[in-house]
Amino acid sequence: MQYRHYKGGLYELVCEATLEADLSPMIIYRAHDGSIWARPKSVFFELVEVDGQKVPRFAPVA
């Protein structure tokens, strides 16, 4: 599934993983340029404030 970052980049969610150190859920995702990234699941799906409004950090692309 593809997601658009609130700053405009397009990313593909690759999988959900578990961080070995504390068993926290992580999201593994791929940028348009092929680079692979990881973020805590709670951060990937959180709302961020932009111009006084709450928007998803990553919004699903239909």
PDB file of N, CA and C in Angstrom:
ATOM      1  N   MET A   1       0.844  -1.182   0.000  1.00  0.00           N
ATOM      2  CA  MET A   1       0.000   0.000   0.000  1.00  0.00           C
ATOM      3  C   MET A   1       0.888   1.244   0.000  1.00  0.00           C
ATOM      4  N   GLN A   2       0.460   2.265  -0.726  1.00  0.00           N
ATOM      5  CA  GLN A   2       1.247   3.486  -0.813  1.00  0.00           C
ATOM      6  C   GLN A   2       0.699   4.561   0.136  1.00  0.00           C
ATOM      7  N   TYR A   3       1.648   5.373   0.629  1.00  0.00           N
ATOM      8  CA  TYR A   3       1.315   6.470   1.533  1.00  0.00           C
ATOM      9  C   TYR A   3       2.052   7.713   1.066  1.00  0.00           C
ATOM     10  N   ARG A   4       1.413   8.876   1.273  1.00  0.00           N
ATOM     11  CA  ARG A   4       2.057  10.146   0.960  1.00  0.00           C
ATOM     12  C   ARG A   4       2.409  10.829   2.279  1.00  0.00           C
ATOM     13  N   HIS A   5       3.683  11.210   2.421  1.00  0.00           N
ATOM     14  CA  HIS A   5       4.148  11.935   3.604  1.00  0.00           C
ATOM     15  C   HIS A   5       3.563  13.332   3.563  1.00  0.00           C
ATOM     16  N   TYR A   6       3.316  13.910   4.720  1.00  0.00           N
ATOM     17  CA  TYR A   6       2.690  15.231   4.752  1.00  0.00           C
ATOM     18  C   TYR A   6       3.530  16.299   4.059  1.00  0.00           C
ATOM     19  N   LYS A   7       4.823  16.042   3.871  1.00  0.00           N
ATOM     20  CA  LYS A   7       5.669  16.981   3.136  1.00  0.00           C
ATOM     21  C   LYS A   7       5.699  16.673   1.639  1.00  0.00           C
ATOM     22  N   GLY A   8       5.025  15.592   1.226  1.00  0.00           N
ATOM     23  CA  GLY A   8       4.857  15.337  -0.197  1.00  0.00           C
ATOM     24  C   GLY A   8       5.446  14.069  -0.770  1.00  0.00           C
ATOM     25  N   GLY A   9       6.387  13.425  -0.098  1.00  0.00           N
ATOM     26  CA  GLY A   9       7.000  12.217  -0.656  1.00  0.00           C
ATOM     27  C   GLY A   9       6.045  11.045  -0.703  1.00  0.00           C
ATOM     28  N   LEU A  10       6.256  10.153  -1.667  1.00  0.00           N
ATOM     29  CA  LEU A  10       5.443   8.960  -1.841  1.00  0.00           C
ATOM     30  C   LEU A  10       6.239   7.749  -1.359  1.00  0.00           C
ATOM     31  N   TYR A  11       5.588   6.898  -0.545  1.00  0.00           N
ATOM     32  CA  TYR A  11       6.260   5.754   0.077  1.00  0.00           C
ATOM     33  C   TYR A  11       5.381   4.519   0.000  1.00  0.00           C
ATOM     34  N   GLU A  12       6.033   3.356  -0.059  1.00  0.00           N
ATOM     35  CA  GLU A  12       5.332   2.084  -0.044  1.00  0.00           C
ATOM     36  C   GLU A  12       5.581   1.401   1.298  1.00  0.00           C
ATOM     37  N   LEU A  13       4.506   1.039   1.992  1.00  0.00           N
ATOM     38  CA  LEU A  13       4.641   0.291   3.236  1.00  0.00           C
ATOM     39  C   LEU A  13       5.040  -1.132   2.853  1.00  0.00           C
ATOM     40  N   VAL A  14       6.204  -1.558   3.342  1.00  0.00           N
ATOM     41  CA  VAL A  14       6.736  -2.876   2.992  1.00  0.00           C
ATOM     42  C   VAL A  14       6.199  -3.930   3.951  1.00  0.00           C
ATOM     43  N   CYS A  15       6.323  -3.682   5.261  1.00  0.00           N
ATOM     44  CA  CYS A  15       5.849  -4.643   6.252  1.00  0.00           C
ATOM     45  C   CYS A  15       5.879  -4.015   7.638  1.00  0.00           C
ATOM     46  N   GLU A  16       5.280  -4.722   8.584  1.00  0.00           N
ATOM     47  CA  GLU A  16       5.394  -4.360   9.988  1.00  0.00           C
ATOM     48  C   GLU A  16       6.407  -5.327  10.595  1.00  0.00           C
ATOM     49  N   ALA A  17       7.301  -4.799  11.414  1.00  0.00           N
ATOM     50  CA  ALA A  17       8.343  -5.607  12.045  1.00  0.00           C
ATOM     51  C   ALA A  17       8.315  -5.362  13.555  1.00  0.00           C
ATOM     52  N   THR A  18       9.103  -6.135  14.271  1.00  0.00           N
ATOM     53  CA  THR A  18       9.212  -5.978  15.713  1.00  0.00           C
ATOM     54  C   THR A  18      10.654  -5.636  16.057  1.00  0.00           C
ATOM     55  N   LEU A  19      10.842  -4.562  16.798  1.00  0.00           N
ATOM     56  CA  LEU A  19      12.178  -4.160  17.230  1.00  0.00           C
ATOM     57  C   LEU A  19      12.639  -5.117  18.324  1.00  0.00           C
ATOM     58  N   GLU A  20      13.770  -5.736  18.126  1.00  0.00           N
ATOM     59  CA  GLU A  20      14.268  -6.766  19.042  1.00  0.00           C
ATOM     60  C   GLU A  20      14.508  -6.220  20.443  1.00  0.00           C
ATOM     61  N   ALA A  21      15.002  -5.017  20.560  1.00  0.00           N
ATOM     62  CA  ALA A  21      15.411  -4.474  21.860  1.00  0.00           C
ATOM     63  C   ALA A  21      14.264  -4.386  22.860  1.00  0.00           C
ATOM     64  N   ASP A  22      13.076  -3.981  22.385  1.00  0.00           N
ATOM     65  CA  ASP A  22      11.970  -3.814  23.340  1.00  0.00           C
ATOM     66  C   ASP A  22      10.636  -4.333  22.809  1.00  0.00           C
ATOM     67  N   LEU A  23      10.674  -5.043  21.686  1.00  0.00           N
ATOM     68  CA  LEU A  23       9.502  -5.667  21.059  1.00  0.00           C
ATOM     69  C   LEU A  23       8.457  -4.660  20.576  1.00  0.00           C
ATOM     70  N   SER A  24       8.864  -3.430  20.356  1.00  0.00           N
ATOM     71  CA  SER A  24       7.918  -2.430  19.861  1.00  0.00           C
ATOM     72  C   SER A  24       7.680  -2.623  18.366  1.00  0.00           C
ATOM     73  N   PRO A  25       6.450  -2.359  17.918  1.00  0.00           N
ATOM     74  CA  PRO A  25       6.135  -2.515  16.495  1.00  0.00           C
ATOM     75  C   PRO A  25       6.759  -1.391  15.664  1.00  0.00           C
ATOM     76  N   MET A  26       7.312  -1.773  14.530  1.00  0.00           N
ATOM     77  CA  MET A  26       7.960  -0.844  13.613  1.00  0.00           C
ATOM     78  C   MET A  26       7.317  -0.976  12.238  1.00  0.00           C
ATOM     79  N   ILE A  27       7.333   0.102  11.484  1.00  0.00           N
ATOM     80  CA  ILE A  27       6.882   0.077  10.097  1.00  0.00           C
ATOM     81  C   ILE A  27       8.116   0.206   9.206  1.00  0.00           C
ATOM     82  N   ILE A  28       8.234  -0.707   8.262  1.00  0.00           N
ATOM     83  CA  ILE A  28       9.317  -0.680   7.280  1.00  0.00           C
ATOM     84  C   ILE A  28       8.704  -0.169   5.981  1.00  0.00           C
ATOM     85  N   TYR A  29       9.323   0.868   5.407  1.00  0.00           N
ATOM     86  CA  TYR A  29       8.749   1.454   4.195  1.00  0.00           C
ATOM     87  C   TYR A  29       9.842   1.861   3.220  1.00  0.00           C
ATOM     88  N   ARG A  30       9.458   1.944   1.949  1.00  0.00           N
ATOM     89  CA  ARG A  30      10.395   2.214   0.863  1.00  0.00           C
ATOM     90  C   ARG A  30      10.037   3.543   0.208  1.00  0.00           C
ATOM     91  N   ALA A  31      11.043   4.379   0.026  1.00  0.00           N
ATOM     92  CA  ALA A  31      10.864   5.657  -0.656  1.00  0.00           C
ATOM     93  C   ALA A  31      10.843   5.444  -2.166  1.00  0.00           C
ATOM     94  N   HIS A  32      10.403   6.444  -2.874  1.00  0.00           N
ATOM     95  CA  HIS A  32      10.331   6.395  -4.335  1.00  0.00           C
ATOM     96  C   HIS A  32      11.703   6.117  -4.959  1.00  0.00           C
ATOM     97  N   ASP A  33      12.780   6.573  -4.296  1.00  0.00           N
ATOM     98  CA  ASP A  33      14.133   6.355  -4.826  1.00  0.00           C
ATOM     99  C   ASP A  33      14.700   4.977  -4.479  1.00  0.00           C
ATOM    100  N   GLY A  34      13.906   4.138  -3.784  1.00  0.00           N
ATOM    101  CA  GLY A  34      14.333   2.786  -3.442  1.00  0.00           C
ATOM    102  C   GLY A  34      14.947   2.642  -2.061  1.00  0.00           C
ATOM    103  N   SER A  35      15.213   3.751  -1.375  1.00  0.00           N
ATOM    104  CA  SER A  35      15.789   3.652  -0.028  1.00  0.00           C
ATOM    105  C   SER A  35      14.757   3.077   0.943  1.00  0.00           C
ATOM    106  N   ILE A  36      15.244   2.318   1.905  1.00  0.00           N
ATOM    107  CA  ILE A  36      14.391   1.648   2.886  1.00  0.00           C
ATOM    108  C   ILE A  36      14.506   2.381   4.219  1.00  0.00           C
ATOM    109  N   TRP A  37      13.364   2.586   4.875  1.00  0.00           N
ATOM    110  CA  TRP A  37      13.300   3.320   6.138  1.00  0.00           C
ATOM    111  C   TRP A  37      12.490   2.531   7.155  1.00  0.00           C
ATOM    112  N   ALA A  38      12.707   2.860   8.438  1.00  0.00           N
ATOM    113  CA  ALA A  38      11.935   2.247   9.519  1.00  0.00           C
ATOM    114  C   ALA A  38      11.553   3.331  10.521  1.00  0.00           C
ATOM    115  N   ARG A  39      10.334   3.242  11.028  1.00  0.00           N
ATOM    116  CA  ARG A  39       9.837   4.150  12.066  1.00  0.00           C
ATOM    117  C   ARG A  39       8.986   3.348  13.023  1.00  0.00           C
ATOM    118  N   PRO A  40       8.919   3.778  14.273  1.00  0.00           N
ATOM    119  CA  PRO A  40       7.951   3.144  15.169  1.00  0.00           C
ATOM    120  C   PRO A  40       6.544   3.299  14.576  1.00  0.00           C
ATOM    121  N   LYS A  41       5.734   2.264  14.713  1.00  0.00           N
ATOM    122  CA  LYS A  41       4.381   2.282  14.163  1.00  0.00           C
ATOM    123  C   LYS A  41       3.598   3.482  14.686  1.00  0.00           C
ATOM    124  N   SER A  42       3.749   3.796  15.967  1.00  0.00           N
ATOM    125  CA  SER A  42       3.011   4.917  16.555  1.00  0.00           C
ATOM    126  C   SER A  42       3.393   6.247  15.912  1.00  0.00           C
ATOM    127  N   VAL A  43       4.640   6.388  15.494  1.00  0.00           N
ATOM    128  CA  VAL A  43       5.100   7.620  14.848  1.00  0.00           C
ATOM    129  C   VAL A  43       4.635   7.656  13.394  1.00  0.00           C
ATOM    130  N   PHE A  44       4.713   6.523  12.702  1.00  0.00           N
ATOM    131  CA  PHE A  44       4.298   6.465  11.294  1.00  0.00           C
ATOM    132  C   PHE A  44       2.845   6.902  11.147  1.00  0.00           C
ATOM    133  N   PHE A  45       1.971   6.448  12.056  1.00  0.00           N
ATOM    134  CA  PHE A  45       0.544   6.718  11.944  1.00  0.00           C
ATOM    135  C   PHE A  45       0.060   7.907  12.778  1.00  0.00           C
ATOM    136  N   GLU A  46       0.968   8.655  13.403  1.00  0.00           N
ATOM    137  CA  GLU A  46       0.522   9.766  14.239  1.00  0.00           C
ATOM    138  C   GLU A  46       0.086  10.974  13.416  1.00  0.00           C
ATOM    139  N   LEU A  47      -0.634  11.867  14.081  1.00  0.00           N
ATOM    140  CA  LEU A  47      -1.016  13.137  13.484  1.00  0.00           C
ATOM    141  C   LEU A  47       0.039  14.171  13.833  1.00  0.00           C
ATOM    142  N   VAL A  48       0.346  15.036  12.877  1.00  0.00           N
ATOM    143  CA  VAL A  48       1.295  16.124  13.092  1.00  0.00           C
ATOM    144  C   VAL A  48       0.576  17.435  12.800  1.00  0.00           C
ATOM    145  N   GLU A  49       1.041  18.502  13.403  1.00  0.00           N
ATOM    146  CA  GLU A  49       0.410  19.797  13.194  1.00  0.00           C
ATOM    147  C   GLU A  49       1.094  20.535  12.048  1.00  0.00           C
ATOM    148  N   VAL A  50       0.284  20.943  11.078  1.00  0.00           N
ATOM    149  CA  VAL A  50       0.768  21.692   9.917  1.00  0.00           C
ATOM    150  C   VAL A  50      -0.153  22.899   9.745  1.00  0.00           C
ATOM    151  N   ASP A  51       0.414  24.075   9.838  1.00  0.00           N
ATOM    152  CA  ASP A  51      -0.363  25.315   9.695  1.00  0.00           C
ATOM    153  C   ASP A  51      -1.586  25.325  10.610  1.00  0.00           C
ATOM    154  N   GLY A  52      -1.404  24.838  11.846  1.00  0.00           N
ATOM    155  CA  GLY A  52      -2.472  24.861  12.833  1.00  0.00           C
ATOM    156  C   GLY A  52      -3.490  23.743  12.717  1.00  0.00           C
ATOM    157  N   GLN A  53      -3.303  22.820  11.763  1.00  0.00           N
ATOM    158  CA  GLN A  53      -4.235  21.706  11.598  1.00  0.00           C
ATOM    159  C   GLN A  53      -3.515  20.387  11.796  1.00  0.00           C
ATOM    160  N   LYS A  54      -4.229  19.410  12.367  1.00  0.00           N
ATOM    161  CA  LYS A  54      -3.688  18.066  12.543  1.00  0.00           C
ATOM    162  C   LYS A  54      -3.899  17.278  11.252  1.00  0.00           C
ATOM    163  N   VAL A  55      -2.810  16.730  10.729  1.00  0.00           N
ATOM    164  CA  VAL A  55      -2.866  15.901   9.521  1.00  0.00           C
ATOM    165  C   VAL A  55      -2.058  14.634   9.775  1.00  0.00           C
ATOM    166  N   PRO A  56      -2.379  13.539   9.073  1.00  0.00           N
ATOM    167  CA  PRO A  56      -1.577  12.320   9.244  1.00  0.00           C
ATOM    168  C   PRO A  56      -0.157  12.533   8.729  1.00  0.00           C
ATOM    169  N   ARG A  57       0.815  11.994   9.473  1.00  0.00           N
ATOM    170  CA  ARG A  57       2.205  12.049   8.989  1.00  0.00           C
ATOM    171  C   ARG A  57       2.294  11.356   7.638  1.00  0.00           C
ATOM    172  N   PHE A  58       1.669  10.200   7.512  1.00  0.00           N
ATOM    173  CA  PHE A  58       1.583   9.452   6.254  1.00  0.00           C
ATOM    174  C   PHE A  58       0.108   9.160   5.994  1.00  0.00           C
ATOM    175  N   ALA A  59      -0.406   9.611   4.857  1.00  0.00           N
ATOM    176  CA  ALA A  59      -1.810   9.379   4.500  1.00  0.00           C
ATOM    177  C   ALA A  59      -1.865   8.346   3.384  1.00  0.00           C
ATOM    178  N   PRO A  60      -2.798   7.393   3.485  1.00  0.00           N
ATOM    179  CA  PRO A  60      -2.920   6.379   2.422  1.00  0.00           C
ATOM    180  C   PRO A  60      -3.301   7.030   1.087  1.00  0.00           C
ATOM    181  N   VAL A  61      -2.743   6.480   0.020  1.00  0.00           N
ATOM    182  CA  VAL A  61      -3.048   6.944  -1.326  1.00  0.00           C
ATOM    183  C   VAL A  61      -4.016   5.945  -1.947  1.00  0.00           C
ATOM    184  N   ALA A  62      -5.157   6.442  -2.398  1.00  0.00           N
ATOM    185  CA  ALA A  62      -6.179   5.556  -2.970  1.00  0.00           C
ATOM    186  C   ALA A  62      -5.795   5.054  -4.336  1.00  0.00           C
TER     187      ALA A  62
END
